[in-house]
């Protein structure tokens, strides 16, 4: 059901690919935040700084499976 909703969003909503890319990036940052230690703002800054294209790519591929 989730995959169908994502597909419909890409087809119907202009800029749907941008929405999907933002979702995948947010999932990657959220996963990195769980690993970091410290205050919330410091964890967020470290998580964003540590995001790599490889992590985003593997996260996007895991959505398609």
N, C-alpha and C. Protein backbone atom coordinates (compact mmCIF):
# COMPACT_ATOMS: atom_id res chain seq x y z
N UNK A 1 0.81 -1.18 0.00
CA UNK A 1 0.00 0.00 0.00
C UNK A 1 0.87 1.26 0.00
N UNK A 2 1.94 1.23 0.78
CA UNK A 2 2.83 2.39 0.87
C UNK A 2 3.50 2.64 -0.47
N UNK A 3 3.94 1.58 -1.13
CA UNK A 3 4.59 1.74 -2.45
C UNK A 3 3.63 2.33 -3.46
N UNK A 4 2.38 1.91 -3.41
CA UNK A 4 1.38 2.45 -4.32
C UNK A 4 1.16 3.93 -4.06
N UNK A 5 1.13 4.32 -2.80
CA UNK A 5 0.96 5.73 -2.46
C UNK A 5 2.14 6.56 -2.96
N UNK A 6 3.36 6.02 -2.81
CA UNK A 6 4.54 6.73 -3.28
C UNK A 6 4.49 6.88 -4.81
N UNK A 7 4.09 5.84 -5.50
CA UNK A 7 3.99 5.89 -6.95
C UNK A 7 2.94 6.90 -7.39
N UNK A 8 1.81 6.92 -6.73
CA UNK A 8 0.76 7.87 -7.08
C UNK A 8 1.21 9.30 -6.80
N UNK A 9 1.97 9.51 -5.72
CA UNK A 9 2.46 10.84 -5.41
C UNK A 9 3.42 11.32 -6.50
N UNK A 10 4.26 10.43 -7.00
CA UNK A 10 5.19 10.82 -8.05
C UNK A 10 4.47 11.15 -9.35
N UNK A 11 3.37 10.46 -9.63
CA UNK A 11 2.64 10.67 -10.87
C UNK A 11 1.74 11.90 -10.78
N UNK A 12 1.03 12.06 -9.67
CA UNK A 12 0.00 13.09 -9.55
C UNK A 12 0.58 14.43 -9.12
N UNK A 13 1.41 14.44 -8.13
CA UNK A 13 1.91 15.68 -7.55
C UNK A 13 3.07 16.20 -8.38
N UNK A 14 2.99 17.45 -8.85
CA UNK A 14 4.16 18.02 -9.53
C UNK A 14 5.32 18.11 -8.55
N UNK A 15 6.46 17.69 -8.97
CA UNK A 15 7.61 17.68 -8.08
C UNK A 15 7.58 16.49 -7.13
N UNK A 16 6.88 15.46 -7.50
CA UNK A 16 6.76 14.28 -6.62
C UNK A 16 8.09 13.63 -6.34
N UNK A 17 9.00 13.66 -7.30
CA UNK A 17 10.32 13.09 -7.07
C UNK A 17 11.07 13.86 -6.01
N UNK A 18 10.86 15.15 -5.96
CA UNK A 18 11.48 15.97 -4.93
C UNK A 18 10.95 15.59 -3.55
N UNK A 19 9.67 15.32 -3.46
CA UNK A 19 9.06 14.90 -2.20
C UNK A 19 9.63 13.56 -1.75
N UNK A 20 9.76 12.64 -2.68
CA UNK A 20 10.30 11.32 -2.35
C UNK A 20 11.77 11.43 -1.93
N UNK A 21 12.54 12.27 -2.62
CA UNK A 21 13.94 12.46 -2.27
C UNK A 21 14.07 13.07 -0.87
N UNK A 22 13.20 14.02 -0.54
CA UNK A 22 13.23 14.62 0.79
C UNK A 22 12.86 13.60 1.85
N UNK A 23 11.92 12.72 1.56
CA UNK A 23 11.53 11.67 2.50
C UNK A 23 12.68 10.71 2.76
N UNK A 24 13.36 10.30 1.71
CA UNK A 24 14.48 9.37 1.86
C UNK A 24 15.62 10.03 2.64
N UNK A 25 15.90 11.29 2.35
CA UNK A 25 16.94 12.00 3.08
C UNK A 25 16.56 12.15 4.55
N UNK A 26 15.31 12.43 4.83
CA UNK A 26 14.86 12.56 6.22
C UNK A 26 14.98 11.24 6.97
N UNK A 27 14.67 10.13 6.31
CA UNK A 27 14.83 8.82 6.95
C UNK A 27 16.28 8.54 7.28
N UNK A 28 17.18 8.92 6.38
CA UNK A 28 18.60 8.70 6.59
C UNK A 28 19.11 9.55 7.75
N UNK A 29 18.70 10.81 7.80
CA UNK A 29 19.12 11.69 8.90
C UNK A 29 18.56 11.19 10.22
N UNK A 30 17.32 10.73 10.23
CA UNK A 30 16.72 10.21 11.46
C UNK A 30 17.46 8.97 11.96
N UNK A 31 17.86 8.11 11.05
CA UNK A 31 18.63 6.92 11.45
C UNK A 31 19.99 7.32 12.02
N UNK A 32 20.62 8.32 11.42
CA UNK A 32 21.91 8.79 11.92
C UNK A 32 21.77 9.48 13.27
N UNK A 33 20.65 10.15 13.51
CA UNK A 33 20.43 10.84 14.79
C UNK A 33 20.33 9.85 15.94
N UNK A 34 19.81 8.66 15.69
CA UNK A 34 19.68 7.67 16.75
C UNK A 34 21.03 7.17 17.22
N UNK A 35 22.03 7.24 16.37
CA UNK A 35 23.37 6.77 16.71
C UNK A 35 24.15 7.81 17.49
N UNK A 36 23.91 9.08 17.20
CA UNK A 36 24.68 10.18 17.81
C UNK A 36 24.31 10.38 19.27
N UNK A 37 25.23 11.00 20.01
CA UNK A 37 25.04 11.31 21.42
C UNK A 37 25.03 12.82 21.62
N UNK A 38 24.42 13.31 22.68
CA UNK A 38 24.43 14.73 23.02
C UNK A 38 23.04 15.34 22.95
N UNK A 39 23.01 16.67 22.92
CA UNK A 39 21.73 17.37 22.85
C UNK A 39 21.11 17.17 21.48
N UNK A 40 19.83 17.51 21.39
CA UNK A 40 19.12 17.26 20.14
C UNK A 40 19.69 18.08 18.98
N UNK A 41 20.00 19.34 19.23
CA UNK A 41 20.53 20.17 18.13
C UNK A 41 21.91 19.69 17.69
N UNK A 42 22.72 19.25 18.65
CA UNK A 42 24.05 18.75 18.32
C UNK A 42 23.95 17.42 17.57
N UNK A 43 23.04 16.56 17.99
CA UNK A 43 22.84 15.28 17.29
C UNK A 43 22.37 15.52 15.87
N UNK A 44 21.45 16.49 15.69
CA UNK A 44 20.95 16.79 14.35
C UNK A 44 22.06 17.31 13.45
N UNK A 45 22.88 18.21 13.97
CA UNK A 45 23.97 18.77 13.17
C UNK A 45 24.97 17.69 12.78
N UNK A 46 25.30 16.81 13.70
CA UNK A 46 26.23 15.72 13.39
C UNK A 46 25.62 14.74 12.41
N UNK A 47 24.32 14.47 12.55
CA UNK A 47 23.66 13.52 11.66
C UNK A 47 23.61 14.05 10.24
N UNK A 48 23.31 15.33 10.08
CA UNK A 48 23.27 15.93 8.74
C UNK A 48 24.66 15.95 8.13
N UNK A 49 25.66 16.26 8.95
CA UNK A 49 27.03 16.32 8.44
C UNK A 49 27.56 14.95 8.04
N UNK A 50 27.03 13.89 8.65
CA UNK A 50 27.56 12.56 8.37
C UNK A 50 26.81 11.81 7.28
N UNK A 51 25.80 12.43 6.68
CA UNK A 51 25.04 11.77 5.61
C UNK A 51 25.92 11.65 4.37
N UNK A 52 25.94 10.45 3.83
CA UNK A 52 26.70 10.19 2.61
C UNK A 52 25.73 9.72 1.53
N UNK A 53 26.10 9.96 0.29
CA UNK A 53 25.25 9.55 -0.83
C UNK A 53 25.01 8.04 -0.81
N UNK A 54 26.00 7.29 -0.41
CA UNK A 54 25.86 5.84 -0.34
C UNK A 54 24.75 5.44 0.64
N UNK A 55 24.66 6.13 1.79
CA UNK A 55 23.62 5.84 2.78
C UNK A 55 22.23 6.16 2.22
N UNK A 56 22.11 7.30 1.55
CA UNK A 56 20.82 7.68 0.98
C UNK A 56 20.43 6.70 -0.12
N UNK A 57 21.39 6.31 -0.93
CA UNK A 57 21.11 5.37 -2.02
C UNK A 57 20.65 4.02 -1.48
N UNK A 58 21.32 3.50 -0.47
CA UNK A 58 20.91 2.21 0.09
C UNK A 58 19.56 2.31 0.78
N UNK A 59 19.27 3.46 1.40
CA UNK A 59 17.97 3.66 2.02
C UNK A 59 16.86 3.72 0.96
N UNK A 60 17.12 4.35 -0.16
CA UNK A 60 16.15 4.42 -1.24
C UNK A 60 15.92 3.03 -1.85
N UNK A 61 16.98 2.27 -1.98
CA UNK A 61 16.83 0.92 -2.53
C UNK A 61 16.05 0.01 -1.60
N UNK A 62 16.18 0.23 -0.30
CA UNK A 62 15.44 -0.59 0.66
C UNK A 62 13.93 -0.30 0.60
N UNK A 63 13.55 0.89 0.16
CA UNK A 63 12.13 1.21 0.00
C UNK A 63 11.51 0.43 -1.15
N UNK A 64 12.29 0.11 -2.16
CA UNK A 64 11.74 -0.56 -3.32
C UNK A 64 11.63 -2.07 -3.14
N UNK A 65 12.15 -2.58 -2.06
CA UNK A 65 12.08 -4.03 -1.83
C UNK A 65 10.94 -4.41 -0.95
